[in-house]
N, C-alpha and C. Protein backbone atom coordinates (compact mmCIF):
# COMPACT_ATOMS: atom_id res chain seq x y z
N MET A 1 0.84 -1.19 0.00
CA MET A 1 0.00 0.00 0.00
C MET A 1 0.88 1.24 0.00
N ASN A 2 0.70 2.08 -0.97
CA ASN A 2 1.48 3.31 -1.07
C ASN A 2 0.71 4.43 -0.36
N ALA A 3 1.26 4.92 0.73
CA ALA A 3 0.56 5.93 1.53
C ALA A 3 0.72 7.34 0.98
N ILE A 4 1.68 7.57 0.10
CA ILE A 4 1.82 8.88 -0.51
C ILE A 4 0.81 8.97 -1.64
N THR A 5 0.01 10.01 -1.64
CA THR A 5 -1.04 10.17 -2.63
C THR A 5 -0.76 11.38 -3.51
N PRO A 6 -0.55 11.15 -4.82
CA PRO A 6 -0.40 12.31 -5.70
C PRO A 6 -1.68 13.14 -5.71
N ILE A 7 -1.54 14.43 -5.74
CA ILE A 7 -2.69 15.33 -5.79
C ILE A 7 -3.04 15.53 -7.27
N GLN A 8 -4.28 15.30 -7.61
CA GLN A 8 -4.71 15.34 -9.00
C GLN A 8 -5.40 16.65 -9.35
N SER A 9 -4.84 17.77 -8.99
CA SER A 9 -5.46 19.05 -9.29
C SER A 9 -4.50 19.90 -10.12
N LYS A 10 -5.00 21.04 -10.57
CA LYS A 10 -4.17 21.98 -11.33
C LYS A 10 -2.97 22.39 -10.48
N ILE A 11 -1.82 22.45 -11.11
CA ILE A 11 -0.61 22.82 -10.40
C ILE A 11 -0.68 24.30 -10.02
N ASP A 12 -0.72 24.54 -8.72
CA ASP A 12 -0.78 25.89 -8.18
C ASP A 12 0.22 25.96 -7.03
N LEU A 13 1.26 26.73 -7.21
CA LEU A 13 2.32 26.82 -6.21
C LEU A 13 2.10 27.95 -5.21
N THR A 14 0.93 28.56 -5.20
CA THR A 14 0.67 29.68 -4.29
C THR A 14 0.95 29.31 -2.84
N GLY A 15 0.47 28.16 -2.41
CA GLY A 15 0.69 27.71 -1.03
C GLY A 15 2.16 27.53 -0.71
N LEU A 16 2.89 26.93 -1.63
CA LEU A 16 4.33 26.74 -1.43
C LEU A 16 5.06 28.08 -1.36
N LEU A 17 4.74 28.97 -2.26
CA LEU A 17 5.40 30.28 -2.28
C LEU A 17 5.08 31.08 -1.01
N ASN A 18 3.84 30.98 -0.54
CA ASN A 18 3.49 31.63 0.73
C ASN A 18 4.26 31.02 1.89
N ALA A 19 4.40 29.69 1.89
CA ALA A 19 5.16 29.02 2.95
C ALA A 19 6.62 29.46 2.95
N ILE A 20 7.21 29.58 1.78
CA ILE A 20 8.60 30.04 1.68
C ILE A 20 8.71 31.48 2.19
N ALA A 21 7.77 32.33 1.78
CA ALA A 21 7.80 33.74 2.17
C ALA A 21 7.60 33.92 3.67
N GLN A 22 6.80 33.07 4.30
CA GLN A 22 6.47 33.22 5.71
C GLN A 22 7.33 32.38 6.64
N ALA A 23 8.17 31.54 6.10
CA ALA A 23 8.97 30.64 6.93
C ALA A 23 9.91 31.42 7.84
N GLY A 24 9.95 31.03 9.09
CA GLY A 24 10.79 31.73 10.06
C GLY A 24 11.96 30.92 10.57
N ALA A 25 12.04 29.64 10.21
CA ALA A 25 13.13 28.81 10.70
C ALA A 25 14.46 29.25 10.08
N GLU A 26 15.51 29.07 10.85
CA GLU A 26 16.84 29.47 10.39
C GLU A 26 17.24 28.77 9.10
N ASP A 27 16.80 27.53 8.93
CA ASP A 27 17.18 26.77 7.74
C ASP A 27 16.09 26.74 6.67
N SER A 28 15.20 27.72 6.68
CA SER A 28 14.17 27.81 5.64
C SER A 28 14.80 28.21 4.31
N MET A 29 14.08 27.91 3.26
CA MET A 29 14.53 28.28 1.92
C MET A 29 14.12 29.72 1.62
N THR A 30 14.96 30.45 0.94
CA THR A 30 14.58 31.77 0.46
C THR A 30 14.06 31.62 -0.97
N ASN A 31 13.23 32.56 -1.39
CA ASN A 31 12.63 32.47 -2.72
C ASN A 31 13.60 33.04 -3.76
N PRO A 32 14.16 32.16 -4.60
CA PRO A 32 15.14 32.62 -5.58
C PRO A 32 14.55 32.99 -6.94
N LEU A 33 13.24 32.78 -7.13
CA LEU A 33 12.66 32.88 -8.46
C LEU A 33 11.50 33.88 -8.53
N THR A 34 11.24 34.35 -9.72
CA THR A 34 10.09 35.21 -9.98
C THR A 34 8.84 34.33 -10.13
N PRO A 35 7.66 34.92 -10.04
CA PRO A 35 6.44 34.13 -10.26
C PRO A 35 6.43 33.42 -11.62
N ALA A 36 6.90 34.07 -12.66
CA ALA A 36 6.94 33.43 -13.98
C ALA A 36 7.90 32.24 -13.99
N GLN A 37 9.02 32.36 -13.28
CA GLN A 37 9.96 31.24 -13.21
C GLN A 37 9.36 30.08 -12.42
N TRP A 38 8.61 30.38 -11.34
CA TRP A 38 7.95 29.32 -10.59
C TRP A 38 6.92 28.61 -11.46
N ASP A 39 6.24 29.35 -12.34
CA ASP A 39 5.31 28.71 -13.27
C ASP A 39 6.04 27.69 -14.14
N THR A 40 7.24 28.03 -14.57
CA THR A 40 8.05 27.10 -15.34
C THR A 40 8.43 25.88 -14.50
N VAL A 41 8.87 26.12 -13.28
CA VAL A 41 9.28 25.02 -12.38
C VAL A 41 8.11 24.10 -12.08
N SER A 42 6.90 24.64 -12.00
CA SER A 42 5.75 23.82 -11.63
C SER A 42 5.56 22.61 -12.55
N ALA A 43 5.97 22.72 -13.80
CA ALA A 43 5.85 21.60 -14.73
C ALA A 43 6.79 20.45 -14.37
N TYR A 44 7.78 20.72 -13.54
CA TYR A 44 8.78 19.71 -13.17
C TYR A 44 8.53 19.13 -11.77
N LEU A 45 7.58 19.70 -11.05
CA LEU A 45 7.29 19.27 -9.68
C LEU A 45 6.08 18.36 -9.64
N GLN A 46 6.08 17.44 -8.69
CA GLN A 46 4.93 16.57 -8.46
C GLN A 46 4.40 16.85 -7.06
N PRO A 47 3.12 17.25 -6.94
CA PRO A 47 2.57 17.51 -5.61
C PRO A 47 2.15 16.20 -4.92
N TYR A 48 2.34 16.15 -3.62
CA TYR A 48 1.96 14.98 -2.82
C TYR A 48 1.37 15.41 -1.50
N THR A 49 0.49 14.58 -1.00
CA THR A 49 0.07 14.69 0.39
C THR A 49 0.59 13.45 1.09
N VAL A 50 1.09 13.64 2.29
CA VAL A 50 1.64 12.54 3.06
C VAL A 50 0.91 12.51 4.40
N PRO A 51 0.30 11.39 4.75
CA PRO A 51 -0.41 11.31 6.03
C PRO A 51 0.56 11.27 7.20
N ALA A 52 0.09 11.71 8.35
CA ALA A 52 0.90 11.65 9.57
C ALA A 52 1.36 10.21 9.80
N GLY A 53 2.62 10.07 10.17
CA GLY A 53 3.19 8.76 10.46
C GLY A 53 3.83 8.06 9.28
N HIS A 54 3.57 8.52 8.06
CA HIS A 54 4.14 7.88 6.88
C HIS A 54 5.62 8.21 6.74
N VAL A 55 6.44 7.21 6.42
CA VAL A 55 7.86 7.43 6.17
C VAL A 55 8.02 7.88 4.72
N LEU A 56 8.54 9.08 4.54
CA LEU A 56 8.77 9.62 3.20
C LEU A 56 9.95 8.92 2.54
N PHE A 57 11.06 8.81 3.27
CA PHE A 57 12.19 8.00 2.82
C PHE A 57 12.99 7.54 4.03
N SER A 58 13.73 6.45 3.83
CA SER A 58 14.47 5.83 4.93
C SER A 58 15.97 6.05 4.79
N GLN A 59 16.62 6.09 5.93
CA GLN A 59 18.08 6.18 5.98
C GLN A 59 18.66 5.04 5.13
N GLY A 60 19.64 5.37 4.29
CA GLY A 60 20.29 4.37 3.45
C GLY A 60 19.69 4.23 2.06
N ALA A 61 18.50 4.79 1.82
CA ALA A 61 17.87 4.69 0.50
C ALA A 61 18.69 5.46 -0.52
N SER A 62 18.67 5.00 -1.77
CA SER A 62 19.49 5.64 -2.80
C SER A 62 18.75 6.68 -3.63
N ASP A 63 17.51 6.97 -3.31
CA ASP A 63 16.71 7.97 -4.02
C ASP A 63 17.31 9.37 -3.84
N ARG A 64 17.26 10.20 -4.88
CA ARG A 64 17.82 11.55 -4.82
C ARG A 64 16.76 12.64 -4.95
N THR A 65 15.51 12.34 -4.70
CA THR A 65 14.44 13.32 -4.85
C THR A 65 14.56 14.41 -3.79
N LEU A 66 14.35 15.64 -4.22
CA LEU A 66 14.31 16.81 -3.34
C LEU A 66 12.85 17.12 -3.09
N TYR A 67 12.49 17.40 -1.82
CA TYR A 67 11.11 17.71 -1.46
C TYR A 67 11.02 19.12 -0.89
N LEU A 68 10.11 19.92 -1.42
CA LEU A 68 9.83 21.26 -0.93
C LEU A 68 8.56 21.17 -0.10
N ILE A 69 8.58 21.69 1.11
CA ILE A 69 7.47 21.51 2.04
C ILE A 69 6.54 22.73 2.00
N GLU A 70 5.29 22.47 1.69
CA GLU A 70 4.28 23.54 1.67
C GLU A 70 3.57 23.66 3.02
N SER A 71 3.18 22.54 3.60
CA SER A 71 2.47 22.57 4.88
C SER A 71 2.75 21.28 5.64
N GLY A 72 2.47 21.31 6.94
CA GLY A 72 2.69 20.14 7.77
C GLY A 72 4.07 20.16 8.41
N SER A 73 4.52 19.00 8.84
CA SER A 73 5.86 18.90 9.43
C SER A 73 6.42 17.52 9.20
N LEU A 74 7.72 17.47 9.07
CA LEU A 74 8.44 16.22 8.86
C LEU A 74 9.46 16.04 9.96
N SER A 75 9.53 14.83 10.50
CA SER A 75 10.50 14.49 11.52
C SER A 75 11.68 13.81 10.85
N VAL A 76 12.87 14.30 11.15
CA VAL A 76 14.10 13.74 10.59
C VAL A 76 14.80 13.00 11.72
N HIS A 77 15.09 11.72 11.51
CA HIS A 77 15.76 10.96 12.55
C HIS A 77 16.68 9.90 11.95
N TYR A 78 17.63 9.48 12.74
CA TYR A 78 18.52 8.40 12.32
C TYR A 78 19.05 7.67 13.55
N GLN A 79 19.55 6.50 13.28
CA GLN A 79 20.19 5.70 14.31
C GLN A 79 21.70 5.79 14.08
N ASP A 80 22.43 6.20 15.10
CA ASP A 80 23.89 6.21 14.95
C ASP A 80 24.46 4.87 15.41
N GLU A 81 25.78 4.76 15.39
CA GLU A 81 26.42 3.49 15.75
C GLU A 81 26.14 3.08 17.19
N LYS A 82 25.70 3.99 18.03
CA LYS A 82 25.36 3.68 19.42
C LYS A 82 23.86 3.46 19.59
N GLU A 83 23.13 3.39 18.48
CA GLU A 83 21.70 3.15 18.50
C GLU A 83 20.90 4.27 19.14
N ARG A 84 21.40 5.50 19.13
CA ARG A 84 20.67 6.64 19.69
C ARG A 84 19.89 7.34 18.59
N LEU A 85 18.64 7.61 18.86
CA LEU A 85 17.78 8.30 17.91
C LEU A 85 17.93 9.80 18.11
N ARG A 86 18.19 10.52 17.03
CA ARG A 86 18.28 11.98 17.07
C ARG A 86 17.21 12.55 16.17
N LEU A 87 16.62 13.66 16.57
CA LEU A 87 15.49 14.23 15.84
C LEU A 87 15.70 15.68 15.44
N ALA A 88 15.05 16.06 14.35
CA ALA A 88 14.89 17.45 13.94
C ALA A 88 13.51 17.53 13.31
N ILE A 89 12.86 18.66 13.41
CA ILE A 89 11.56 18.88 12.78
C ILE A 89 11.75 19.92 11.67
N VAL A 90 11.27 19.59 10.49
CA VAL A 90 11.38 20.49 9.34
C VAL A 90 9.96 20.86 8.92
N GLY A 91 9.73 22.15 8.76
CA GLY A 91 8.38 22.62 8.47
C GLY A 91 8.23 23.33 7.15
N PRO A 92 7.08 23.97 6.97
CA PRO A 92 6.77 24.66 5.72
C PRO A 92 7.82 25.69 5.33
N GLY A 93 8.06 25.77 4.03
CA GLY A 93 9.01 26.75 3.52
C GLY A 93 10.43 26.24 3.47
N SER A 94 10.63 24.98 3.78
CA SER A 94 11.97 24.42 3.73
C SER A 94 11.98 23.20 2.81
N VAL A 95 13.07 22.48 2.82
CA VAL A 95 13.24 21.30 1.97
C VAL A 95 13.80 20.15 2.79
N VAL A 96 13.59 18.94 2.29
CA VAL A 96 14.27 17.75 2.78
C VAL A 96 14.76 16.97 1.56
N GLY A 97 15.80 16.20 1.79
CA GLY A 97 16.37 15.41 0.71
C GLY A 97 17.51 16.08 0.00
N GLU A 98 17.89 17.28 0.46
CA GLU A 98 18.93 18.06 -0.24
C GLU A 98 20.30 17.39 -0.18
N GLY A 99 20.60 16.68 0.89
CA GLY A 99 21.91 16.03 1.01
C GLY A 99 22.14 15.00 -0.08
N ALA A 100 21.20 14.09 -0.24
CA ALA A 100 21.31 13.06 -1.28
C ALA A 100 21.16 13.67 -2.68
N PHE A 101 20.33 14.69 -2.79
CA PHE A 101 20.12 15.35 -4.08
C PHE A 101 21.44 15.86 -4.64
N PHE A 102 22.23 16.51 -3.78
CA PHE A 102 23.50 17.07 -4.23
C PHE A 102 24.65 16.07 -4.22
N SER A 103 24.68 15.18 -3.24
CA SER A 103 25.86 14.32 -3.07
C SER A 103 25.79 13.03 -3.87
N MET A 104 24.61 12.65 -4.33
CA MET A 104 24.42 11.38 -5.03
C MET A 104 24.79 10.20 -4.13
N ARG A 105 24.64 10.38 -2.83
CA ARG A 105 24.91 9.34 -1.85
C ARG A 105 23.60 8.88 -1.23
N PRO A 106 23.61 7.76 -0.54
CA PRO A 106 22.38 7.30 0.11
C PRO A 106 21.87 8.31 1.14
N ARG A 107 20.60 8.22 1.44
CA ARG A 107 19.98 9.10 2.43
C ARG A 107 20.67 8.94 3.77
N SER A 108 20.93 10.05 4.44
CA SER A 108 21.64 10.03 5.71
C SER A 108 20.70 9.92 6.90
N ALA A 109 19.40 10.01 6.67
CA ALA A 109 18.43 9.96 7.76
C ALA A 109 17.09 9.49 7.21
N THR A 110 16.22 9.15 8.13
CA THR A 110 14.84 8.78 7.79
C THR A 110 13.96 10.01 8.01
N VAL A 111 13.03 10.23 7.10
CA VAL A 111 12.10 11.35 7.21
C VAL A 111 10.69 10.79 7.26
N GLN A 112 9.96 11.21 8.29
CA GLN A 112 8.61 10.72 8.53
C GLN A 112 7.69 11.92 8.79
N ALA A 113 6.48 11.84 8.27
CA ALA A 113 5.52 12.92 8.49
C ALA A 113 5.06 12.93 9.93
N GLY A 114 5.22 14.08 10.58
CA GLY A 114 4.75 14.24 11.95
C GLY A 114 3.30 14.70 11.99
N ALA A 115 2.83 15.21 10.88
CA ALA A 115 1.45 15.68 10.72
C ALA A 115 1.13 15.52 9.24
N PRO A 116 -0.13 15.58 8.85
CA PRO A 116 -0.44 15.57 7.42
C PRO A 116 0.37 16.67 6.73
N THR A 117 1.02 16.32 5.65
CA THR A 117 1.97 17.23 5.02
C THR A 117 1.72 17.30 3.51
N LYS A 118 1.77 18.53 2.98
CA LYS A 118 1.74 18.71 1.53
C LYS A 118 3.14 19.13 1.11
N LEU A 119 3.65 18.44 0.11
CA LEU A 119 4.98 18.77 -0.39
C LEU A 119 5.04 18.59 -1.89
N TRP A 120 6.14 19.05 -2.43
CA TRP A 120 6.37 19.01 -3.87
C TRP A 120 7.68 18.29 -4.11
N SER A 121 7.67 17.28 -4.97
CA SER A 121 8.89 16.52 -5.22
C SER A 121 9.52 16.95 -6.54
N LEU A 122 10.84 16.95 -6.52
CA LEU A 122 11.63 17.22 -7.72
C LEU A 122 12.66 16.11 -7.83
N THR A 123 12.44 15.19 -8.76
CA THR A 123 13.39 14.09 -8.92
C THR A 123 14.66 14.60 -9.61
N ALA A 124 15.72 13.84 -9.48
CA ALA A 124 16.99 14.21 -10.11
C ALA A 124 16.82 14.26 -11.64
N LEU A 125 16.05 13.33 -12.19
CA LEU A 125 15.81 13.32 -13.64
C LEU A 125 15.07 14.58 -14.09
N ARG A 126 14.03 14.96 -13.36
CA ARG A 126 13.28 16.17 -13.73
C ARG A 126 14.15 17.41 -13.55
N PHE A 127 15.02 17.43 -12.53
CA PHE A 127 15.92 18.55 -12.36
C PHE A 127 16.91 18.64 -13.53
N THR A 128 17.39 17.50 -14.01
CA THR A 128 18.27 17.49 -15.17
C THR A 128 17.56 18.05 -16.39
N GLU A 129 16.30 17.67 -16.57
CA GLU A 129 15.51 18.21 -17.68
C GLU A 129 15.36 19.73 -17.55
N LEU A 130 15.05 20.20 -16.34
CA LEU A 130 14.93 21.63 -16.09
C LEU A 130 16.25 22.32 -16.38
N SER A 131 17.35 21.73 -15.96
CA SER A 131 18.69 22.30 -16.18
C SER A 131 19.00 22.44 -17.66
N ASN A 132 18.61 21.45 -18.44
CA ASN A 132 18.87 21.49 -19.88
C ASN A 132 18.00 22.52 -20.60
N ARG A 133 16.77 22.69 -20.14
CA ARG A 133 15.82 23.58 -20.81
C ARG A 133 15.84 25.01 -20.28
N GLN A 134 16.06 25.14 -18.97
CA GLN A 134 16.02 26.45 -18.31
C GLN A 134 17.17 26.55 -17.30
N PRO A 135 18.40 26.65 -17.78
CA PRO A 135 19.55 26.59 -16.86
C PRO A 135 19.56 27.68 -15.78
N ALA A 136 19.12 28.88 -16.08
CA ALA A 136 19.14 29.95 -15.08
C ALA A 136 18.14 29.65 -13.95
N ILE A 137 16.99 29.12 -14.31
CA ILE A 137 15.98 28.77 -13.30
C ILE A 137 16.49 27.61 -12.45
N ALA A 138 17.04 26.60 -13.10
CA ALA A 138 17.58 25.45 -12.36
C ALA A 138 18.70 25.88 -11.42
N LEU A 139 19.53 26.79 -11.86
CA LEU A 139 20.61 27.29 -11.01
C LEU A 139 20.06 28.01 -9.79
N GLY A 140 19.06 28.85 -9.99
CA GLY A 140 18.45 29.56 -8.87
C GLY A 140 17.85 28.61 -7.85
N LEU A 141 17.16 27.59 -8.31
CA LEU A 141 16.57 26.61 -7.42
C LEU A 141 17.65 25.80 -6.70
N ALA A 142 18.69 25.41 -7.42
CA ALA A 142 19.79 24.66 -6.81
C ALA A 142 20.52 25.49 -5.76
N MET A 143 20.71 26.76 -6.05
CA MET A 143 21.39 27.64 -5.08
C MET A 143 20.55 27.79 -3.81
N ALA A 144 19.24 27.89 -3.94
CA ALA A 144 18.36 28.02 -2.77
C ALA A 144 18.39 26.74 -1.93
N ALA A 145 18.33 25.58 -2.58
CA ALA A 145 18.41 24.31 -1.85
C ALA A 145 19.81 24.13 -1.25
N GLY A 146 20.83 24.54 -1.98
CA GLY A 146 22.19 24.47 -1.47
C GLY A 146 22.40 25.36 -0.26
N ALA A 147 21.74 26.51 -0.24
CA ALA A 147 21.83 27.41 0.91
C ALA A 147 21.21 26.77 2.15
N VAL A 148 20.11 26.03 1.97
CA VAL A 148 19.51 25.31 3.10
C VAL A 148 20.49 24.28 3.63
N LEU A 149 21.11 23.54 2.73
CA LEU A 149 22.10 22.54 3.13
C LEU A 149 23.26 23.19 3.89
N ALA A 150 23.75 24.30 3.38
CA ALA A 150 24.87 25.00 4.05
C ALA A 150 24.46 25.50 5.43
N LYS A 151 23.25 26.02 5.57
CA LYS A 151 22.77 26.49 6.87
C LYS A 151 22.70 25.32 7.86
N ARG A 152 22.19 24.19 7.40
CA ARG A 152 22.08 23.03 8.29
C ARG A 152 23.45 22.50 8.69
N LEU A 153 24.35 22.44 7.76
CA LEU A 153 25.69 21.94 8.09
C LEU A 153 26.45 22.90 8.98
N GLY A 154 26.14 24.18 8.89
CA GLY A 154 26.79 25.17 9.73
C GLY A 154 26.22 25.26 11.13
N ASN A 155 25.09 24.62 11.38
CA ASN A 155 24.45 24.63 12.68
C ASN A 155 24.52 23.22 13.25
N ARG A 156 25.33 23.02 14.23
CA ARG A 156 25.59 21.69 14.77
C ARG A 156 24.31 20.93 15.11
N ARG A 157 23.32 21.60 15.71
CA ARG A 157 22.08 20.93 16.09
C ARG A 157 21.24 20.53 14.89
N ARG A 158 21.35 21.25 13.78
CA ARG A 158 20.51 20.99 12.59
C ARG A 158 21.19 20.08 11.57
N ARG A 159 22.44 19.69 11.80
CA ARG A 159 23.13 18.85 10.82
C ARG A 159 22.36 17.58 10.50
N VAL A 160 21.69 17.04 11.50
CA VAL A 160 20.94 15.80 11.25
C VAL A 160 19.81 16.00 10.27
N ALA A 161 19.39 17.23 10.04
CA ALA A 161 18.32 17.49 9.09
C ALA A 161 18.81 17.54 7.66
N ALA A 162 20.11 17.45 7.44
CA ALA A 162 20.66 17.41 6.07
C ALA A 162 20.50 15.98 5.57
N THR A 163 19.45 15.75 4.82
CA THR A 163 19.08 14.39 4.42
C THR A 163 19.48 14.11 2.99
């Protein structure tokens, strides 16, 4: 049973853009694009709703999808060599999956929905297509996701959220 449900409506990024604009967390994403550029990006994104408790991806998975969070919350956790669970909560206006997206390495943590969550996925393949067709837009989006990764890595407590 696949608990992630694609949303079958017209692509409207208003909620995501509002979440980015209103996000107050230190590791939130800043808006790098114009409304017209976001319209272009929307063709490359897949909207999803994730129910509370659903695992979006697991530590060690080889998937490189980047997720932009519109609403809800995601819990980031992993087991270290001492079997200790560490947590971070990532909310609207931010991203998860940026570590694997950029590094091409397995996921460093497990991400689970802490509440019903709406997010937008950008697979590595779709990002490559965007890069080939709209390189300036792809660069802006990559720089914004890269800035989130840099903020998380620069904050010792938030490093575990670099997934």
